[in-house]
């Protein structure tokens, strides 16, 4: 009868250890999940801020290309072609 009680106590102890281990594992999973959620939220805010910045910032290169095209005269090439003939 004493052995039966010892076996029951041992089984209860192992069950308690398993439940405690499961709680610790679940707590670690929740911590990792929270960290990943925070990193994702920060990345999303950064992406939105960059998109808004790109949308509202004027494209200075486009203006430069337009000015360059205006300054560069196409008649220059036409004159060279006539001289070669």
N, C-alpha and C. Protein backbone atom coordinates (compact mmCIF):
# COMPACT_ATOMS: atom_id res chain seq x y z
N UNK A 1 0.83 -1.18 0.00
CA UNK A 1 0.00 0.00 0.00
C UNK A 1 0.88 1.25 0.00
N UNK A 2 1.99 1.21 0.70
CA UNK A 2 2.92 2.33 0.75
C UNK A 2 3.51 2.61 -0.63
N UNK A 3 3.80 1.57 -1.40
CA UNK A 3 4.36 1.73 -2.73
C UNK A 3 3.35 2.39 -3.65
N UNK A 4 2.10 2.07 -3.51
CA UNK A 4 1.04 2.64 -4.34
C UNK A 4 0.93 4.15 -4.09
N UNK A 5 1.02 4.55 -2.83
CA UNK A 5 0.97 5.98 -2.51
C UNK A 5 2.20 6.71 -3.05
N UNK A 6 3.35 6.02 -2.97
CA UNK A 6 4.58 6.62 -3.49
C UNK A 6 4.49 6.80 -5.01
N UNK A 7 3.94 5.81 -5.68
CA UNK A 7 3.77 5.91 -7.14
C UNK A 7 2.80 7.04 -7.50
N UNK A 8 1.73 7.18 -6.73
CA UNK A 8 0.77 8.28 -6.97
C UNK A 8 1.44 9.64 -6.75
N UNK A 9 2.24 9.73 -5.71
CA UNK A 9 2.94 10.98 -5.40
C UNK A 9 3.95 11.31 -6.50
N UNK A 10 4.65 10.28 -6.97
CA UNK A 10 5.63 10.47 -8.04
C UNK A 10 4.93 10.89 -9.34
N UNK A 11 3.81 10.27 -9.66
CA UNK A 11 3.05 10.62 -10.86
C UNK A 11 2.54 12.06 -10.77
N UNK A 12 2.04 12.44 -9.60
CA UNK A 12 1.55 13.81 -9.40
C UNK A 12 2.69 14.80 -9.54
N UNK A 13 3.86 14.44 -9.05
CA UNK A 13 5.03 15.32 -9.14
C UNK A 13 5.45 15.50 -10.60
N UNK A 14 5.47 14.41 -11.36
CA UNK A 14 5.83 14.50 -12.78
C UNK A 14 4.80 15.32 -13.55
N UNK A 15 3.53 15.13 -13.22
CA UNK A 15 2.47 15.90 -13.88
C UNK A 15 2.63 17.38 -13.57
N UNK A 16 2.95 17.70 -12.33
CA UNK A 16 3.15 19.09 -11.93
C UNK A 16 4.34 19.70 -12.68
N UNK A 17 5.42 18.92 -12.83
CA UNK A 17 6.59 19.41 -13.57
C UNK A 17 6.24 19.67 -15.03
N UNK A 18 5.47 18.77 -15.64
CA UNK A 18 5.06 18.94 -17.03
C UNK A 18 4.18 20.19 -17.20
N UNK A 19 3.26 20.38 -16.28
CA UNK A 19 2.38 21.56 -16.35
C UNK A 19 3.18 22.84 -16.17
N UNK A 20 4.12 22.82 -15.24
CA UNK A 20 4.96 24.00 -15.01
C UNK A 20 5.84 24.29 -16.23
N UNK A 21 6.39 23.23 -16.84
CA UNK A 21 7.21 23.40 -18.04
C UNK A 21 6.38 23.97 -19.19
N UNK A 22 5.15 23.50 -19.29
CA UNK A 22 4.26 23.99 -20.35
C UNK A 22 3.95 25.48 -20.14
N UNK A 23 3.76 25.88 -18.91
CA UNK A 23 3.50 27.29 -18.61
C UNK A 23 4.71 28.16 -18.97
N UNK A 24 5.90 27.68 -18.65
CA UNK A 24 7.12 28.43 -18.96
C UNK A 24 7.30 28.54 -20.46
N UNK A 25 7.08 27.44 -21.20
CA UNK A 25 7.20 27.46 -22.65
C UNK A 25 6.19 28.43 -23.27
N UNK A 26 4.97 28.40 -22.75
CA UNK A 26 3.93 29.29 -23.28
C UNK A 26 4.28 30.75 -22.99
N UNK A 27 4.85 31.02 -21.83
CA UNK A 27 5.24 32.39 -21.49
C UNK A 27 6.36 32.86 -22.42
N UNK A 28 7.32 31.97 -22.72
CA UNK A 28 8.39 32.33 -23.65
C UNK A 28 7.85 32.59 -25.04
N UNK A 29 6.89 31.78 -25.48
CA UNK A 29 6.28 32.00 -26.79
C UNK A 29 5.57 33.35 -26.84
N UNK A 30 4.87 33.70 -25.78
CA UNK A 30 4.18 34.99 -25.74
C UNK A 30 5.16 36.14 -25.79
N UNK A 31 6.28 36.01 -25.10
CA UNK A 31 7.30 37.06 -25.11
C UNK A 31 7.87 37.24 -26.52
N UNK A 32 8.19 36.14 -27.17
CA UNK A 32 8.72 36.21 -28.54
C UNK A 32 7.67 36.81 -29.47
N UNK A 33 6.42 36.41 -29.30
CA UNK A 33 5.35 36.94 -30.13
C UNK A 33 5.20 38.45 -29.95
N UNK A 34 5.29 38.92 -28.73
CA UNK A 34 5.19 40.36 -28.47
C UNK A 34 6.36 41.12 -29.10
N UNK A 35 7.54 40.57 -28.99
CA UNK A 35 8.72 41.22 -29.57
C UNK A 35 8.57 41.32 -31.09
N UNK A 36 8.15 40.23 -31.73
CA UNK A 36 7.95 40.25 -33.18
C UNK A 36 6.84 41.22 -33.59
N UNK A 37 5.79 41.30 -32.78
CA UNK A 37 4.70 42.23 -33.08
C UNK A 37 5.17 43.68 -32.99
N UNK A 38 6.00 43.99 -32.01
CA UNK A 38 6.52 45.35 -31.87
C UNK A 38 7.44 45.68 -33.03
N UNK A 39 8.31 44.75 -33.40
CA UNK A 39 9.21 44.99 -34.54
C UNK A 39 8.40 45.19 -35.82
N UNK A 40 7.36 44.39 -36.02
CA UNK A 40 6.50 44.54 -37.20
C UNK A 40 5.78 45.88 -37.22
N UNK A 41 5.30 46.32 -36.07
CA UNK A 41 4.61 47.61 -36.00
C UNK A 41 5.57 48.76 -36.30
N UNK A 42 6.77 48.70 -35.77
CA UNK A 42 7.76 49.75 -36.04
C UNK A 42 8.12 49.76 -37.53
N UNK A 43 8.28 48.59 -38.12
CA UNK A 43 8.61 48.51 -39.55
C UNK A 43 7.46 49.06 -40.40
N UNK A 44 6.23 48.77 -40.02
CA UNK A 44 5.07 49.28 -40.76
C UNK A 44 4.99 50.80 -40.67
N UNK A 45 5.22 51.35 -39.50
CA UNK A 45 5.19 52.82 -39.34
C UNK A 45 6.32 53.45 -40.15
N UNK A 46 7.49 52.84 -40.15
CA UNK A 46 8.61 53.38 -40.93
C UNK A 46 8.31 53.33 -42.42
N UNK A 47 7.70 52.25 -42.89
CA UNK A 47 7.36 52.14 -44.31
C UNK A 47 6.31 53.18 -44.71
N UNK A 48 5.33 53.40 -43.87
CA UNK A 48 4.31 54.41 -44.15
C UNK A 48 4.93 55.80 -44.16
N UNK A 49 5.80 56.08 -43.20
CA UNK A 49 6.45 57.39 -43.15
C UNK A 49 7.30 57.61 -44.39
N UNK A 50 8.01 56.60 -44.84
CA UNK A 50 8.84 56.72 -46.05
C UNK A 50 7.96 56.95 -47.28
N UNK A 51 6.84 56.23 -47.37
CA UNK A 51 5.94 56.40 -48.50
C UNK A 51 5.35 57.82 -48.54
N UNK A 52 4.97 58.34 -47.39
CA UNK A 52 4.44 59.70 -47.34
C UNK A 52 5.53 60.71 -47.71
N UNK A 53 6.74 60.49 -47.22
CA UNK A 53 7.86 61.37 -47.56
C UNK A 53 8.10 61.38 -49.06
N UNK A 54 8.14 60.19 -49.67
CA UNK A 54 8.38 60.11 -51.12
C UNK A 54 7.25 60.75 -51.91
N UNK A 55 6.03 60.66 -51.41
CA UNK A 55 4.88 61.22 -52.11
C UNK A 55 4.92 62.75 -52.10
N UNK A 56 5.29 63.33 -50.97
CA UNK A 56 5.26 64.78 -50.83
C UNK A 56 6.55 65.48 -51.23
N UNK A 57 7.65 64.76 -51.39
CA UNK A 57 8.91 65.38 -51.77
C UNK A 57 8.93 65.57 -53.29
N UNK A 58 9.21 66.81 -53.74
CA UNK A 58 9.24 67.03 -55.19
C UNK A 58 10.43 66.32 -55.83
N UNK A 59 10.28 65.98 -57.08
CA UNK A 59 11.34 65.29 -57.81
C UNK A 59 12.18 66.35 -58.53
N UNK A 60 13.31 66.70 -57.94
CA UNK A 60 14.16 67.73 -58.52
C UNK A 60 14.87 67.24 -59.78
N UNK A 61 15.12 65.97 -59.89
CA UNK A 61 15.79 65.42 -61.05
C UNK A 61 14.95 65.62 -62.31
N UNK A 62 13.65 65.49 -62.16
CA UNK A 62 12.76 65.68 -63.31
C UNK A 62 12.87 67.11 -63.84
N UNK A 63 12.92 68.09 -62.95
CA UNK A 63 13.08 69.48 -63.36
C UNK A 63 14.44 69.69 -64.03
N UNK A 64 15.48 69.07 -63.51
CA UNK A 64 16.81 69.20 -64.09
C UNK A 64 16.83 68.66 -65.51
N UNK A 65 16.21 67.51 -65.73
CA UNK A 65 16.19 66.92 -67.06
C UNK A 65 15.45 67.81 -68.05
N UNK A 66 14.37 68.44 -67.60
CA UNK A 66 13.62 69.34 -68.48
C UNK A 66 14.47 70.55 -68.85
N UNK A 67 15.19 71.11 -67.88
CA UNK A 67 16.05 72.26 -68.16
C UNK A 67 17.18 71.86 -69.10
N UNK A 68 17.73 70.69 -68.92
CA UNK A 68 18.81 70.22 -69.77
C UNK A 68 18.33 70.05 -71.21
N UNK A 69 17.15 69.51 -71.37
CA UNK A 69 16.60 69.33 -72.72
C UNK A 69 16.37 70.68 -73.40
N UNK A 70 15.94 71.68 -72.65
CA UNK A 70 15.71 73.00 -73.22
C UNK A 70 17.02 73.67 -73.64
N UNK A 71 18.07 73.50 -72.86
CA UNK A 71 19.35 74.13 -73.16
C UNK A 71 20.06 73.46 -74.33
N UNK A 72 19.80 72.19 -74.49
CA UNK A 72 20.49 71.44 -75.55
C UNK A 72 19.73 71.65 -76.85
N UNK A 73 20.39 72.25 -77.81
CA UNK A 73 19.71 72.64 -79.05
C UNK A 73 19.84 71.53 -80.08
N UNK A 74 18.71 71.10 -80.63
CA UNK A 74 18.71 70.05 -81.65
C UNK A 74 19.24 70.57 -82.99
N UNK A 75 19.22 71.87 -83.21
CA UNK A 75 19.70 72.44 -84.47
C UNK A 75 21.20 72.21 -84.64
N UNK A 76 21.92 72.04 -83.55
CA UNK A 76 23.35 71.81 -83.60
C UNK A 76 23.66 70.57 -84.43
N UNK A 77 22.90 69.50 -84.20
CA UNK A 77 23.12 68.27 -84.95
C UNK A 77 22.70 68.42 -86.41
N UNK A 78 21.66 69.17 -86.65
CA UNK A 78 21.21 69.37 -88.03
C UNK A 78 22.27 70.11 -88.84
N UNK A 79 22.96 71.07 -88.24
CA UNK A 79 23.99 71.83 -88.93
C UNK A 79 25.17 70.93 -89.29
N UNK A 80 25.56 70.02 -88.38
CA UNK A 80 26.67 69.12 -88.65
C UNK A 80 26.35 68.19 -89.80
N UNK A 81 25.11 67.70 -89.86
CA UNK A 81 24.71 66.80 -90.92
C UNK A 81 24.80 67.48 -92.29
N UNK A 82 24.42 68.74 -92.33
CA UNK A 82 24.47 69.47 -93.62
C UNK A 82 25.92 69.74 -94.06
N UNK A 83 26.80 69.98 -93.11
CA UNK A 83 28.20 70.23 -93.46
C UNK A 83 28.89 68.99 -94.00
N UNK A 84 28.50 67.81 -93.52
CA UNK A 84 29.14 66.57 -93.98
C UNK A 84 28.72 66.23 -95.39
N UNK A 85 27.60 66.67 -95.84
CA UNK A 85 27.10 66.32 -97.19
C UNK A 85 27.80 67.04 -98.25
